[in-house]
Structure formats: C-alpha cells, structure tokens
C-alpha cells in the first residue's frame, strides 16, 4: 500500500521496511513543505509496524539543496524562513526508526544535510556530495556542523 505526504510517497513492504521517496524530479529541491512531509511520513511509520526506512528520490539527483532560483514547483520558504525549516528538520533527526539514505546524483548543501540526517548512507559511484554553504556566503545548514564531524 502506497501512502502520500505532499511530494513524498511511502511504500511499506512485507518485510516491514518502508521506501520513502521524494517526488520533485529531476533535482528534488527542498523547502519547508518537503521537510515537513518527510517528518510526517517518519512519524506515521514510527506509529506502525515499520522497522526501518530507506530514503530515496525520483529523478537524476537525491536532493540538489534549496531552490534559490525558484526552478521547481516547490513553494518558496515562508516568512519564518530558517526557523520553520529547522523546526521540521529536528523531527527528522528524532526519528525512532533507522533510516538509510540511498543517494544518486547530487546531494548538495541542504540536500547533503538531508542525507546526513539518515543513520546510514549508500551512494552510487556517480553521487556528488558537497557542502557549498561557504561558497554562497553563509553558515552550513541542516545540522551539518554536527553530522559531518
């Protein structure tokens, strides 16, 4: 049975491992709504019979970060900005279930932070990981100062 949370689908298999997939191809840019959808999916899975989560993404890239150029159909960050984003991100880090991120293509900036919110990461040979925050002139986000130690 497949359930959806915004642009996120959840497919819980007979082995009690859930595939949580982001559907914003090709770049899978994130915003507060996407992170909130992921957190809601994790919470729903924690309340059921799920034993583990595999976080993946449809398209060319795992998550190419925030959509600064408004190239995707994702909504812009609300006026609360980073505060609302981090409120939702903390919910991901508090997941009671083990999470494995399956990374293909780019995991850039906050996309790398999303990958690092998982307990384990598995990447294809063509995966590209980058924390480009300093190049853009601001501090690293999404908890990377803690998860990349």
C-alpha atoms as a PDB file:
ATOM      1  CA  UNK A   1       0.000   0.000   0.000  1.00  0.00           C
ATOM      2  CA  UNK A   2       1.427   3.386  -1.023  1.00  0.00           C
ATOM      3  CA  UNK A   3       0.596   6.459   1.030  1.00  0.00           C
ATOM      4  CA  UNK A   4       1.487  10.033   0.135  1.00  0.00           C
ATOM      5  CA  UNK A   5       2.539  13.025   2.221  1.00  0.00           C
ATOM      6  CA  UNK A   6       2.774  16.010  -0.121  1.00  0.00           C
ATOM      7  CA  UNK A   7       5.569  15.231  -2.621  1.00  0.00           C
ATOM      8  CA  UNK A   8       6.644  12.172  -0.632  1.00  0.00           C
ATOM      9  CA  UNK A   9       5.405   8.621  -1.128  1.00  0.00           C
ATOM     10  CA  UNK A  10       5.661   5.827   1.424  1.00  0.00           C
ATOM     11  CA  UNK A  11       5.598   2.166   0.445  1.00  0.00           C
ATOM     12  CA  UNK A  12       5.788  -0.236   3.392  1.00  0.00           C
ATOM     13  CA  UNK A  13       6.878  -3.649   2.182  1.00  0.00           C
ATOM     14  CA  UNK A  14       6.006  -7.060   3.586  1.00  0.00           C
ATOM     15  CA  UNK A  15       9.472  -7.044   5.201  1.00  0.00           C
ATOM     16  CA  UNK A  16       8.406  -4.003   7.284  1.00  0.00           C
ATOM     17  CA  UNK A  17      10.985  -1.799   5.532  1.00  0.00           C
ATOM     18  CA  UNK A  18       9.483   1.400   4.144  1.00  0.00           C
ATOM     19  CA  UNK A  19      10.644   3.137   0.996  1.00  0.00           C
ATOM     20  CA  UNK A  20      10.159   6.873   1.487  1.00  0.00           C
ATOM     21  CA  UNK A  21      10.620   8.575  -1.877  1.00  0.00           C
ATOM     22  CA  UNK A  22      10.866  12.279  -2.739  1.00  0.00           C
ATOM     23  CA  UNK A  23       8.995  13.195  -5.949  1.00  0.00           C
ATOM     24  CA  UNK A  24      10.350  16.513  -7.232  1.00  0.00           C
ATOM     25  CA  UNK A  25      12.476  15.390 -10.173  1.00  0.00           C
ATOM     26  CA  UNK A  26      14.944  15.991 -11.621  1.00  0.00           C
ATOM     27  CA  UNK A  27      16.684  17.985  -8.844  1.00  0.00           C
ATOM     28  CA  UNK A  28      14.393  17.292  -5.883  1.00  0.00           C
ATOM     29  CA  UNK A  29      14.911  20.762  -4.431  1.00  0.00           C
ATOM     30  CA  UNK A  30      13.626  21.069  -0.880  1.00  0.00           C
ATOM     31  CA  UNK A  31      11.604  23.600   1.060  1.00  0.00           C
ATOM     32  CA  UNK A  32       9.829  23.618   4.409  1.00  0.00           C
ATOM     33  CA  UNK A  33       6.828  21.743   2.969  1.00  0.00           C
ATOM     34  CA  UNK A  34       9.003  18.878   1.731  1.00  0.00           C
ATOM     35  CA  UNK A  35      10.854  18.514   5.038  1.00  0.00           C
ATOM     36  CA  UNK A  36       7.518  18.651   6.859  1.00  0.00           C
ATOM     37  CA  UNK A  37       6.142  15.923   4.569  1.00  0.00           C
ATOM     38  CA  UNK A  38       9.157  13.736   5.285  1.00  0.00           C
ATOM     39  CA  UNK A  39       8.773  14.292   9.040  1.00  0.00           C
ATOM     40  CA  UNK A  40       5.081  13.395   8.865  1.00  0.00           C
ATOM     41  CA  UNK A  41       5.903  10.222   6.932  1.00  0.00           C
ATOM     42  CA  UNK A  42       8.539   9.221   9.510  1.00  0.00           C
ATOM     43  CA  UNK A  43       6.085   9.871  12.362  1.00  0.00           C
ATOM     44  CA  UNK A  44       3.362   7.788  10.710  1.00  0.00           C
ATOM     45  CA  UNK A  45       5.794   4.929  10.109  1.00  0.00           C
ATOM     46  CA  UNK A  46       7.017   5.041  13.720  1.00  0.00           C
ATOM     47  CA  UNK A  47       3.436   4.519  14.908  1.00  0.00           C
ATOM     48  CA  UNK A  48       3.024   1.346  12.846  1.00  0.00           C
ATOM     49  CA  UNK A  49       4.875  -1.894  12.209  1.00  0.00           C
ATOM     50  CA  UNK A  50       7.753  -0.374  10.238  1.00  0.00           C
ATOM     51  CA  UNK A  51      11.247  -1.491  11.272  1.00  0.00           C
ATOM     52  CA  UNK A  52      13.422   0.687   9.002  1.00  0.00           C
ATOM     53  CA  UNK A  53      13.208   3.431   6.381  1.00  0.00           C
ATOM     54  CA  UNK A  54      15.019   3.737   3.055  1.00  0.00           C
ATOM     55  CA  UNK A  55      15.008   7.405   1.976  1.00  0.00           C
ATOM     56  CA  UNK A  56      15.363   7.851  -1.771  1.00  0.00           C
ATOM     57  CA  UNK A  57      14.408  10.257  -4.537  1.00  0.00           C
ATOM     58  CA  UNK A  58      12.911  10.077  -8.001  1.00  0.00           C
ATOM     59  CA  UNK A  59      14.951  11.568 -10.805  1.00  0.00           C
ATOM     60  CA  UNK A  60      18.530  12.490 -11.521  1.00  0.00           C
ATOM     61  CA  UNK A  61      19.524  13.797  -8.073  1.00  0.00           C
ATOM     62  CA  UNK A  62      18.906  12.826  -4.458  1.00  0.00           C
ATOM     63  CA  UNK A  63      18.459  16.472  -3.409  1.00  0.00           C
ATOM     64  CA  UNK A  64      20.255  19.395  -5.010  1.00  0.00           C
ATOM     65  CA  UNK A  65      19.524  21.614  -1.981  1.00  0.00           C
ATOM     66  CA  UNK A  66      17.188  24.562  -1.627  1.00  0.00           C
ATOM     67  CA  UNK A  67      15.614  26.052  -4.739  1.00  0.00           C
ATOM     68  CA  UNK A  68      17.141  29.546  -4.717  1.00  0.00           C
ATOM     69  CA  UNK A  69      16.157  30.218  -8.339  1.00  0.00           C
ATOM     70  CA  UNK A  70      12.550  29.017  -7.974  1.00  0.00           C
ATOM     71  CA  UNK A  71      13.099  26.490 -10.772  1.00  0.00           C
ATOM     72  CA  UNK A  72      10.884  23.836  -9.247  1.00  0.00           C
ATOM     73  CA  UNK A  73       7.230  23.822  -8.421  1.00  0.00           C
ATOM     74  CA  UNK A  74       8.194  23.839  -4.739  1.00  0.00           C
ATOM     75  CA  UNK A  75       6.898  26.777  -2.749  1.00  0.00           C
ATOM     76  CA  UNK A  76       9.345  29.378  -1.520  1.00  0.00           C
ATOM     77  CA  UNK A  77      10.396  29.396   2.113  1.00  0.00           C
ATOM     78  CA  UNK A  78       7.779  31.076   4.301  1.00  0.00           C
ATOM     79  CA  UNK A  79       8.494  34.354   6.037  1.00  0.00           C
ATOM     80  CA  UNK A  80       9.700  32.459   9.111  1.00  0.00           C
ATOM     81  CA  UNK A  81      12.476  31.109   6.872  1.00  0.00           C
ATOM     82  CA  UNK A  82      15.125  29.062   8.597  1.00  0.00           C
ATOM     83  CA  UNK A  83      13.254  28.776  11.913  1.00  0.00           C
ATOM     84  CA  UNK A  84      10.373  26.802  10.390  1.00  0.00           C
ATOM     85  CA  UNK A  85      12.767  24.716   8.295  1.00  0.00           C
ATOM     86  CA  UNK A  86      14.847  23.750  11.326  1.00  0.00           C
ATOM     87  CA  UNK A  87      11.749  23.006  13.397  1.00  0.00           C
ATOM     88  CA  UNK A  88      10.754  20.396  10.818  1.00  0.00           C
ATOM     89  CA  UNK A  89      14.311  19.119  10.320  1.00  0.00           C
ATOM     90  CA  UNK A  90      14.632  18.367  14.038  1.00  0.00           C
ATOM     91  CA  UNK A  91      11.688  15.995  13.619  1.00  0.00           C
ATOM     92  CA  UNK A  92      13.731  14.028  11.042  1.00  0.00           C
ATOM     93  CA  UNK A  93      16.693  13.757  13.396  1.00  0.00           C
ATOM     94  CA  UNK A  94      14.388  12.455  16.144  1.00  0.00           C
ATOM     95  CA  UNK A  95      13.177   9.506  14.093  1.00  0.00           C
ATOM     96  CA  UNK A  96      12.943   6.387  16.241  1.00  0.00           C
ATOM     97  CA  UNK A  97      13.439   4.161  13.197  1.00  0.00           C
ATOM     98  CA  UNK A  98      16.783   3.549  11.493  1.00  0.00           C
ATOM     99  CA  UNK A  99      16.992   5.494   8.218  1.00  0.00           C
ATOM    100  CA  UNK A 100      19.196   4.622   5.230  1.00  0.00           C
ATOM    101  CA  UNK A 101      19.630   7.315   2.559  1.00  0.00           C
ATOM    102  CA  UNK A 102      20.049   5.913  -0.964  1.00  0.00           C
ATOM    103  CA  UNK A 103      21.946   8.679  -2.775  1.00  0.00           C
ATOM    104  CA  UNK A 104      22.138   9.073  -6.538  1.00  0.00           C
ATOM    105  CA  UNK A 105      23.366  12.143  -8.371  1.00  0.00           C
ATOM    106  CA  UNK A 106      23.801  15.283  -6.289  1.00  0.00           C
ATOM    107  CA  UNK A 107      23.315  15.806  -2.581  1.00  0.00           C
ATOM    108  CA  UNK A 108      24.281  19.476  -2.310  1.00  0.00           C
ATOM    109  CA  UNK A 109      24.050  21.916   0.610  1.00  0.00           C
ATOM    110  CA  UNK A 110      20.846  21.201   2.478  1.00  0.00           C
ATOM    111  CA  UNK A 111      20.471  18.077   0.332  1.00  0.00           C
ATOM    112  CA  UNK A 112      23.687  16.801   1.885  1.00  0.00           C
ATOM    113  CA  UNK A 113      22.233  17.744   5.263  1.00  0.00           C
ATOM    114  CA  UNK A 114      19.128  15.713   4.429  1.00  0.00           C
ATOM    115  CA  UNK A 115      21.333  12.738   3.519  1.00  0.00           C
ATOM    116  CA  UNK A 116      23.269  13.157   6.774  1.00  0.00           C
ATOM    117  CA  UNK A 117      20.033  13.180   8.771  1.00  0.00           C
ATOM    118  CA  UNK A 118      19.878   9.450   7.971  1.00  0.00           C
ATOM    119  CA  UNK A 119      21.674   6.938  10.166  1.00  0.00           C
ATOM    120  CA  UNK A 120      23.397   5.359   7.153  1.00  0.00           C
ATOM    121  CA  UNK A 121      24.119   6.487   3.605  1.00  0.00           C
ATOM    122  CA  UNK A 122      24.606   4.380   0.489  1.00  0.00           C
ATOM    123  CA  UNK A 123      25.732   6.179  -2.662  1.00  0.00           C
ATOM    124  CA  UNK A 124      26.083   5.262  -6.310  1.00  0.00           C
ATOM    125  CA  UNK A 125      29.505   5.722  -7.923  1.00  0.00           C
ATOM    126  CA  UNK A 126      28.149   8.845  -9.671  1.00  0.00           C
ATOM    127  CA  UNK A 127      26.908  10.511  -6.472  1.00  0.00           C
ATOM    128  CA  UNK A 128      28.251  14.011  -5.730  1.00  0.00           C
ATOM    129  CA  UNK A 129      28.211  15.338  -2.185  1.00  0.00           C
ATOM    130  CA  UNK A 130      29.040  18.977  -1.431  1.00  0.00           C
ATOM    131  CA  UNK A 131      28.592  21.422   1.425  1.00  0.00           C
ATOM    132  CA  UNK A 132      28.602  24.597  -0.645  1.00  0.00           C
ATOM    133  CA  UNK A 133      27.453  26.981   2.099  1.00  0.00           C
ATOM    134  CA  UNK A 134      30.756  28.861   2.493  1.00  0.00           C
ATOM    135  CA  UNK A 135      30.929  29.430  -1.252  1.00  0.00           C
ATOM    136  CA  UNK A 136      27.479  31.032  -1.068  1.00  0.00           C
ATOM    137  CA  UNK A 137      28.481  33.195   1.895  1.00  0.00           C
ATOM    138  CA  UNK A 138      26.528  31.730   4.817  1.00  0.00           C
ATOM    139  CA  UNK A 139      26.914  29.141   7.571  1.00  0.00           C
ATOM    140  CA  UNK A 140      26.355  25.474   6.959  1.00  0.00           C
ATOM    141  CA  UNK A 141      22.774  24.465   7.484  1.00  0.00           C
ATOM    142  CA  UNK A 142      20.701  21.408   8.228  1.00  0.00           C
ATOM    143  CA  UNK A 143      22.894  20.382  11.138  1.00  0.00           C
ATOM    144  CA  UNK A 144      25.989  19.719   9.028  1.00  0.00           C
ATOM    145  CA  UNK A 145      28.304  21.153  11.691  1.00  0.00           C
ATOM    146  CA  UNK A 146      27.178  18.219  13.881  1.00  0.00           C
ATOM    147  CA  UNK A 147      26.614  15.437  11.340  1.00  0.00           C
ATOM    148  CA  UNK A 148      29.881  15.966   9.393  1.00  0.00           C
ATOM    149  CA  UNK A 149      32.251  15.771  12.377  1.00  0.00           C
END
